[in-house]
Amino acid sequence: MNPPVLEPPVGTLLQDTCAIFHTDPSPAEAVECLCAHIQPTPCETVPLRAALGRCLAEPLRAPMAFPPFTRAMMDGYALRSTEVKPGAQWQVLDELIAGQIGDKPLPAHTALRIATGAPLPIGADTVLRQESAQRFGQTLRGLLLQIELGKDTEAMGSVAAVGDLLISAHSPLSPTNLAKAARHGISHLSVHQPARIALLVIGNELTPVGAPLPLGHLYEHNALLIESTLDQHRLGQIIHTAAVKDDLAAIDQSIGMARAQHPDLLILIGGTSVGTHDFTRRALFRHGQPLFEGVHTRPGRTACASVTDNGLVLLALPGSPKAVNALLENILLPTLRVMQGHLIP
C-alpha cells in the first residue's frame, strides 16, 4: 500500500501560482486587497428620508441661493445703518414677521418692526435690536451711537450661492446633509444602492433559535449579528442565507447556490481553521482565485478571501463571535463602505 501523499499548506501552493495572493496581511491591507477587487454598487435616486446613511454618488450643488433673501437674524427694527447716530429717531411704519415681504421701499428715517427670519425691506440694511432702542408709540429712538452695515442680518446667498458645492461626492448622508439638501429645495438624491450580500453559516453544532437545543449544540447567532450590524450602519442587505454542515461537498454546493443569487459579496462564517473538519477555506479557493489567507490580527487570524472569474469576492470569517465582531469592524464594514461609494479609508 502506497503511503498517502501529503499536500503542502494551501498558502504555500497558492503563493507559487497567484501573484495577487497575500499571506497574513494586516486588517488594513486585507481591506485594501478586497477593495481592489470589489465593484461599486449601482446608483439610484431616492427621496431624502431613504438616503439617510447612504453615500452620495455625485457632487451636490446649490440650485438656488441660501438664504434666498437678506433676512433679519434678531428681533428688532429694520432701518438704514447710516441713520444711526446720537439723537436719531425713526417713525415705525409697520411690522414684518417671518414669511412676509415688505412691498414698498423704506423711506428715510423710518423703520419697520421686524421678527427674526423676516426679509429685510427694500432700503433697509441692518437691524437695530429691540433692546438697543426705546419706542414711544410710533416713534423709535436708538440707544447706540453707531451701528455697522448688515448688523444682525444674513445676506442673500451668504451661506451658499447658486452653483456652490453643498455636499461632495462619496460623502455619507447624515441628517445635517439631508437638511442641507432640503433647505435648497432638493427632494431626491443620487446614492449608491445597498450591497446585496449572501451569507453562509457553517457548523455541525449550530441550531436555529427557537428549535430544541440538542446536547453539545449551540444556537446560531452570527447571522443575526452580521445582519443587524449591516442594518445599523445601512451598509447592505442579506439577500440569501443558509446554514451548512461541516462537509466539503455541502459547502461547495451552498457556495454555488449562493452565487446563483448574483450577490455583490458572499460571506462565509465558520470552518476557517485547520482542523480535520474545517473545509471552508478549501471550498473558498475552489471557487475563486485566492486574495489572502490569514489576517495578522487576533481574534480573527484565520479569515481568508478569494475572487471568482466574474469578480465576486468571497470572504470567510472564523465562527468565534469575538472574531466576527472584530472583523466586522476592521474588515467587513470598511469594505462595504467602499463598495457603496465611500472613499477607501
Foldseek 3Di string as FASTA:
>chain_A
DDDDDDDDPPLVVQVVPPVQEDEAAALLVLQVLLLVQFAAFDKDKDFLVVQALFFFAAWDFFQAAPPQAKWAQAFAKFAAQVQQAPPQKAFEDEEFEAPDADPDADDHRHIYGYHHNTHHYHHTFAGQHHVQWDDDPRMIGGNDRGDDGNYRMDGTRNVHHGGHTLDHGQDGCHPVSSVSCVSSVHGMGMFGDAFEEEEEEEEPQEDDPPDDHDPPHDHDDLVVVVQVVCVVSVQHHYPYYDYFYLDQVRLLVVVVVRVVVVGSEYEYEALLDDDPSRRVVVSQVVAFNWNYAAHNDPPWRGKTWGAHPVRYIYTYTYHPPVRSVVCVVSHVVLSSSVSGGHDRD
